[in-house]
Protein backbone atom coordinates (compact mmCIF):
# COMPACT_ATOMS: atom_id res chain seq x y z
CA MET A 1 -43.69 -17.89 -24.83
CA SER A 2 -41.25 -17.26 -27.79
CA ASP A 3 -43.78 -15.97 -30.15
CA LYS A 4 -45.24 -13.58 -27.63
CA VAL A 5 -44.40 -9.87 -27.51
CA LEU A 6 -42.47 -9.04 -24.48
CA ASP A 7 -42.79 -5.83 -22.72
CA THR A 8 -39.86 -4.52 -21.19
CA SER A 9 -40.75 -1.08 -20.43
CA VAL A 10 -41.48 0.53 -16.85
CA GLU A 11 -42.50 3.70 -15.60
CA LEU A 12 -40.24 5.41 -12.99
CA CYS A 13 -42.22 8.48 -11.30
CA GLY A 14 -44.53 9.37 -14.04
CA ILE A 15 -42.16 8.86 -16.65
CA ARG A 16 -42.09 5.82 -19.12
CA MET A 17 -38.91 3.98 -19.95
CA ASP A 18 -38.26 1.58 -22.74
CA ASN A 19 -36.31 -0.71 -20.16
CA PRO A 20 -35.47 -0.64 -16.46
CA VAL A 21 -31.55 -0.39 -17.28
CA ILE A 22 -29.67 2.80 -16.00
CA PRO A 23 -26.02 3.19 -16.13
CA ALA A 24 -25.23 4.54 -12.63
CA SER A 25 -23.86 7.98 -11.89
CA GLY A 26 -20.12 8.34 -11.71
CA THR A 27 -19.91 5.21 -14.12
CA PHE A 28 -21.01 6.80 -17.48
CA GLY A 29 -19.80 10.30 -17.23
CA TYR A 30 -22.21 12.59 -19.64
CA GLY A 31 -22.90 9.66 -21.99
CA TYR A 32 -20.91 11.00 -24.89
CA GLU A 33 -18.02 8.82 -24.28
CA PHE A 34 -20.01 5.92 -24.18
CA ALA A 35 -22.09 6.89 -27.60
CA GLU A 36 -18.86 5.83 -29.48
CA TRP A 37 -19.46 2.29 -28.34
CA TYR A 38 -22.98 1.99 -29.12
CA ASP A 39 -26.15 3.95 -29.69
CA ILE A 40 -27.16 5.16 -25.78
CA ASN A 41 -30.74 5.69 -26.73
CA ILE A 42 -31.25 1.87 -26.16
CA LEU A 43 -30.95 2.57 -22.34
CA GLY A 44 -33.91 3.33 -20.22
CA THR A 45 -31.98 6.48 -18.98
CA PHE A 46 -28.77 7.26 -17.26
CA SER A 47 -27.76 9.03 -14.43
CA PHE A 48 -24.74 11.40 -15.08
CA LYS A 49 -21.64 12.48 -13.28
CA GLY A 50 -22.53 13.60 -9.90
CA THR A 51 -22.76 17.37 -10.01
CA THR A 52 -22.07 20.03 -7.12
CA MET A 53 -22.40 23.78 -7.11
CA ASN A 54 -18.81 24.43 -7.42
CA PRO A 55 -16.08 22.70 -9.40
CA ARG A 56 -14.22 20.09 -7.56
CA PHE A 57 -10.99 18.34 -8.37
CA GLY A 58 -11.88 15.61 -5.99
CA ASN A 59 -9.65 13.42 -3.69
CA PRO A 60 -5.63 13.06 -4.48
CA THR A 61 -4.55 10.03 -6.02
CA PRO A 62 -4.25 6.98 -5.61
CA ARG A 63 -8.16 6.77 -5.95
CA ILE A 64 -9.09 3.46 -6.97
CA ALA A 65 -7.75 -0.18 -5.40
CA GLU A 66 -8.96 -3.72 -6.52
CA ALA A 67 -10.81 -5.90 -4.49
CA PRO A 68 -12.26 -9.64 -4.61
CA MET A 69 -15.17 -9.50 -7.03
CA GLY A 70 -15.22 -5.58 -6.73
CA MET A 71 -13.13 -2.36 -6.49
CA LEU A 72 -12.84 0.60 -4.10
CA ASN A 73 -13.01 3.93 -5.27
CA ALA A 74 -12.65 7.43 -3.70
CA VAL A 75 -12.90 10.07 -6.57
CA GLY A 76 -14.38 12.52 -4.38
CA LEU A 77 -17.04 13.88 -6.59
CA GLN A 78 -14.70 15.34 -9.11
CA ASN A 79 -16.94 17.39 -11.33
CA PRO A 80 -16.93 20.95 -13.56
CA GLY A 81 -19.58 22.25 -11.16
CA VAL A 82 -23.34 22.83 -12.20
CA GLU A 83 -22.89 25.96 -14.42
CA ARG A 84 -20.39 24.18 -16.72
CA VAL A 85 -22.65 20.87 -16.75
CA LEU A 86 -25.56 22.97 -18.19
CA SER A 87 -23.46 25.27 -20.36
CA GLU A 88 -21.07 22.40 -21.79
CA GLU A 89 -21.74 18.96 -20.93
CA LEU A 90 -25.48 18.81 -21.33
CA PRO A 91 -25.14 20.27 -24.82
CA LYS A 92 -22.89 17.75 -25.87
CA MET A 93 -24.74 15.00 -24.28
CA GLU A 94 -27.91 16.17 -26.45
CA LYS A 95 -26.36 15.39 -29.48
CA VAL A 96 -26.05 11.65 -28.56
CA PHE A 97 -29.05 11.12 -25.93
CA SER A 98 -32.57 12.21 -26.82
CA LYS A 99 -34.45 10.78 -23.84
CA PRO A 100 -34.83 12.56 -20.36
CA VAL A 101 -31.59 12.19 -18.57
CA MET A 102 -31.25 11.57 -14.62
CA ALA A 103 -29.34 14.50 -13.01
CA ASN A 104 -27.16 13.32 -9.94
CA VAL A 105 -26.98 15.98 -7.36
CA GLY A 106 -24.35 16.34 -4.58
CA GLY A 107 -23.70 19.06 -1.89
CA PHE A 108 -22.07 19.76 1.40
CA SER A 109 -24.67 21.99 2.77
CA LEU A 110 -28.42 22.23 2.52
CA GLU A 111 -28.13 25.47 0.66
CA GLU A 112 -25.67 23.76 -1.80
CA TYR A 113 -28.16 20.68 -2.48
CA ALA A 114 -31.10 23.35 -3.11
CA TYR A 115 -29.27 25.72 -5.66
CA THR A 116 -27.46 22.89 -7.46
CA ALA A 117 -31.15 20.68 -7.76
CA GLU A 118 -33.00 24.21 -8.85
CA LYS A 119 -30.53 24.87 -11.54
CA LEU A 120 -30.57 21.40 -12.89
CA ALA A 121 -34.24 20.70 -12.44
CA ALA A 122 -34.72 23.97 -14.74
CA ASP A 123 -33.32 22.29 -17.64
CA SER A 124 -35.60 20.63 -20.12
CA ARG A 125 -33.32 17.55 -20.71
CA VAL A 126 -33.31 16.54 -16.97
CA GLY A 127 -36.45 14.18 -16.17
CA TRP A 128 -35.39 13.03 -12.85
CA LEU A 129 -33.20 14.43 -9.82
CA GLU A 130 -31.20 11.76 -8.13
CA VAL A 131 -29.91 13.21 -4.82
CA ASN A 132 -26.71 11.74 -3.54
CA ILE A 133 -26.99 11.82 0.43
CA SER A 134 -23.75 10.27 1.06
CA CYS A 135 -21.82 13.51 0.94
CA PRO A 136 -20.64 14.75 4.31
CA ASN A 137 -22.37 17.92 5.82
CA VAL A 138 -19.61 20.21 6.24
CA HIS A 139 -21.82 22.25 8.59
CA GLY A 140 -22.59 19.19 10.92
CA GLY A 141 -18.87 18.03 11.68
CA GLY A 142 -18.66 15.98 8.34
CA ILE A 143 -21.48 13.57 9.27
CA SER A 144 -23.15 12.15 6.05
CA PHE A 145 -26.59 13.44 5.31
CA GLY A 146 -27.52 10.01 4.35
CA THR A 147 -26.76 8.44 7.88
CA ASP A 148 -29.07 10.59 9.87
CA ALA A 149 -32.98 10.32 9.32
CA LYS A 150 -33.29 13.97 10.15
CA LEU A 151 -30.61 15.23 7.87
CA ALA A 152 -31.86 13.26 5.09
CA ALA A 153 -35.44 14.42 5.46
CA GLN A 154 -33.97 18.06 5.58
CA VAL A 155 -32.09 17.75 2.32
CA THR A 156 -35.27 15.99 0.75
CA SER A 157 -37.47 18.94 1.67
CA GLU A 158 -35.06 21.34 0.52
CA VAL A 159 -34.98 20.06 -2.75
CA ARG A 160 -38.42 19.03 -2.98
CA LYS A 161 -39.35 22.94 -2.55
CA ARG A 162 -37.17 23.81 -5.73
CA THR A 163 -38.81 21.64 -8.31
CA ASP A 164 -41.75 19.72 -9.37
CA LYS A 165 -40.03 17.35 -11.10
CA PRO A 166 -39.31 13.79 -9.56
CA VAL A 167 -36.96 13.76 -6.66
CA ILE A 168 -35.05 10.35 -6.00
CA MET A 169 -33.11 10.13 -2.90
CA LYS A 170 -30.01 8.06 -3.16
CA LEU A 171 -29.23 6.33 0.23
CA SER A 172 -26.07 5.10 1.87
CA PRO A 173 -25.95 1.61 3.00
CA ASN A 174 -23.54 2.28 5.81
CA VAL A 175 -26.26 2.72 8.29
CA THR A 176 -27.68 0.55 11.07
CA ASP A 177 -31.33 0.56 9.70
CA ILE A 178 -31.77 1.84 5.94
CA THR A 179 -35.78 1.78 6.24
CA GLU A 180 -35.73 4.64 8.66
CA ILE A 181 -33.81 6.83 6.40
CA ALA A 182 -35.89 5.62 3.47
CA ARG A 183 -38.92 6.38 5.49
CA ALA A 184 -37.92 9.81 6.31
CA CYS A 185 -37.07 10.59 2.90
CA GLU A 186 -40.81 9.59 1.87
CA ALA A 187 -42.19 11.80 4.67
CA ALA A 188 -40.33 14.65 3.35
CA GLY A 189 -41.47 14.52 -0.09
CA ALA A 190 -39.34 12.28 -1.93
CA ASP A 191 -40.86 10.59 -5.18
CA GLY A 192 -38.60 7.74 -5.16
CA ILE A 193 -35.62 5.86 -3.47
CA SER A 194 -32.34 5.05 -5.00
CA LEU A 195 -30.27 2.33 -3.39
CA ILE A 196 -27.39 1.42 -2.53
CA ASN A 197 -24.57 3.74 -2.72
CA THR A 198 -21.01 1.68 -1.98
CA LEU A 199 -20.27 0.38 1.34
CA MET A 200 -17.00 1.62 3.04
CA GLY A 201 -13.89 -0.30 2.83
CA MET A 202 -10.07 -0.33 2.52
CA ARG A 203 -7.08 -2.06 1.19
CA ILE A 204 -3.40 -2.05 2.33
CA ASP A 205 -0.22 -2.20 0.55
CA LYS A 206 1.74 -5.02 2.31
CA MET A 207 5.08 -4.02 0.94
CA ARG A 208 4.60 -0.23 1.99
CA ARG A 209 2.58 -0.98 5.01
CA ARG A 210 0.03 1.74 4.21
CA PRO A 211 -3.42 1.98 2.88
CA ILE A 212 -3.51 1.72 -0.84
CA ILE A 213 -6.12 4.56 -1.33
CA ALA A 214 -4.78 8.19 -0.52
CA ASN A 215 -7.95 8.81 1.11
CA THR A 216 -7.34 5.66 3.34
CA THR A 217 -10.90 4.29 2.90
CA GLY A 218 -13.21 4.22 -0.36
CA GLY A 219 -16.49 3.03 -1.49
CA LEU A 220 -16.90 -0.79 -2.51
CA SER A 221 -18.78 -1.89 -5.49
CA GLY A 222 -19.06 -4.66 -7.84
CA PRO A 223 -20.62 -8.42 -7.68
CA CYS A 224 -19.44 -8.60 -4.11
CA ILE A 225 -22.00 -6.36 -2.65
CA PHE A 226 -25.04 -7.58 -4.89
CA PRO A 227 -26.41 -9.69 -2.04
CA VAL A 228 -26.35 -6.65 0.58
CA ALA A 229 -28.02 -4.53 -2.19
CA LEU A 230 -30.66 -7.12 -2.64
CA ARG A 231 -31.36 -7.09 1.07
CA MET A 232 -31.77 -3.67 1.49
CA VAL A 233 -33.87 -3.09 -1.54
CA TYR A 234 -36.37 -5.99 -0.33
CA GLN A 235 -36.41 -4.24 3.11
CA VAL A 236 -37.08 -0.80 1.76
CA TYR A 237 -39.83 -2.09 -0.56
CA ASN A 238 -41.64 -3.06 2.81
CA ALA A 239 -40.94 0.14 4.50
CA VAL A 240 -42.16 2.50 1.71
CA LYS A 241 -44.84 3.12 -1.07
CA ILE A 242 -42.85 5.18 -3.54
CA PRO A 243 -40.66 3.40 -6.26
CA LEU A 244 -37.22 2.22 -5.68
CA ILE A 245 -34.11 2.22 -8.07
CA GLY A 246 -31.91 -0.85 -7.19
CA MET A 247 -28.44 -0.92 -7.66
CA GLY A 248 -25.17 -2.64 -6.02
CA GLY A 249 -23.06 -5.25 -8.01
CA VAL A 250 -25.43 -5.53 -10.85
CA SER A 251 -23.63 -7.09 -13.83
CA CYS A 252 -25.93 -9.12 -16.04
CA ALA A 253 -29.93 -9.60 -16.95
CA GLU A 254 -30.32 -12.10 -14.28
CA ASP A 255 -29.35 -9.61 -11.75
CA VAL A 256 -31.96 -7.01 -13.10
CA ILE A 257 -34.60 -9.58 -12.86
CA GLU A 258 -33.58 -10.46 -9.33
CA MET A 259 -33.56 -6.74 -8.18
CA MET A 260 -37.08 -6.27 -9.60
CA LEU A 261 -38.25 -9.14 -7.93
CA ALA A 262 -36.84 -7.58 -4.44
CA GLY A 263 -39.15 -4.43 -5.41
CA ALA A 264 -36.95 -2.27 -7.80
CA THR A 265 -38.78 -0.45 -10.54
CA ALA A 266 -35.69 0.59 -12.20
CA VAL A 267 -32.14 -1.12 -11.97
CA GLU A 268 -28.67 1.05 -12.13
CA VAL A 269 -25.43 -0.64 -13.52
CA GLY A 270 -22.24 0.87 -12.02
CA ALA A 271 -18.91 -1.11 -11.62
CA ALA A 272 -19.70 -3.11 -14.70
CA ASN A 273 -19.48 -0.07 -17.11
CA LEU A 274 -15.71 0.19 -15.87
CA ILE A 275 -14.90 -3.31 -16.80
CA ASP A 276 -17.02 -3.47 -20.04
CA PRO A 277 -18.20 -0.25 -21.73
CA CYS A 278 -21.01 -2.31 -23.49
CA ALA A 279 -22.12 -4.03 -20.27
CA CYS A 280 -25.69 -2.01 -20.45
CA LYS A 281 -26.14 -2.52 -23.79
CA LYS A 282 -25.35 -6.38 -23.32
CA ILE A 283 -27.69 -6.80 -20.48
CA ILE A 284 -30.76 -4.92 -22.56
CA GLU A 285 -30.29 -7.24 -25.23
CA ASP A 286 -30.29 -10.22 -22.87
CA ILE A 287 -33.30 -9.18 -21.11
CA PRO A 288 -35.93 -10.71 -23.57
CA ARG A 289 -34.09 -14.05 -23.31
CA VAL A 290 -34.12 -14.07 -19.45
CA MET A 291 -38.00 -13.18 -19.59
CA ARG A 292 -38.92 -16.06 -21.69
CA LYS A 293 -36.48 -18.19 -19.30
CA TYR A 294 -38.77 -17.14 -16.26
CA ARG A 295 -41.83 -16.69 -18.29
CA ILE A 296 -42.45 -13.20 -17.61
CA GLU A 297 -44.21 -11.34 -20.42
CA ARG A 298 -44.17 -7.84 -18.75
CA LEU A 299 -41.38 -6.71 -16.62
CA SER A 300 -43.22 -4.20 -14.64
CA ASP A 301 -45.36 -7.27 -13.47
CA ILE A 302 -42.58 -8.47 -11.40
CA VAL A 303 -41.67 -5.71 -9.22
CA GLY A 304 -41.95 -6.88 -5.49
CA ALA A 305 -43.19 -10.16 -6.96
CA ALA A 306 -40.67 -11.87 -4.20
CA HIS A 307 -42.74 -10.60 -1.14
């Protein structure tokens, strides 16, 4: 296969990408910091920092704790708010990134989700909306939108009404049956499913006898969660007919292939970016070698091939 032309491109919700690699929201800022390390236009796209209607300072510190083969974070959706993202962050991003970008949308009520999604979708630089439904519903006693199928469907429906651009719902793994949530989002008009977000965990400072993270618990990410993420992608692929973005512990080109075999059309890379700012660049450069190793000519051919 060494002399054959390999096709690394995929199509995600009608938009062609040169390759399936996407830096995950919250690990890549708005791109321009990473552009100091390499040309980020080699990426399929990237999902920028989770954006809410109003500015958020986030949770108190400490927000980060180490874990075996991973990390915990409780940043708390720190961001400057949608108005400043549109007026300041995206113009800076545009100077270093020329492809459609994925806008990550957060919210604490249906109204907030709808408002922020509509604002971001109206920007010509935005190709997809990735809607994070792991946020607590302030009008529902703090329950996460992503842990209740009915609430997940309501958010999907409200965002769907505000835009014709692809709506991808990002699911929480902290549920009994993730396929139920995925099916509810699909029925409510989602164009794709993004999974998984972080798993809940904690660490304790043994000298102080107190939780390390000020918020007590945080989201676990890194290679330790890859088998869980892979299992959920595999399950959801069987449950819905819309494309999936797989993520959770992806740190090399081999992981990308495995995620795609499980059913992912595209693959997000999260914690690895915090360890090595060139992680996504190295993964993209290594994909052709891994394709030859497994005799893959077109990456799009292997989506769901493990079923």
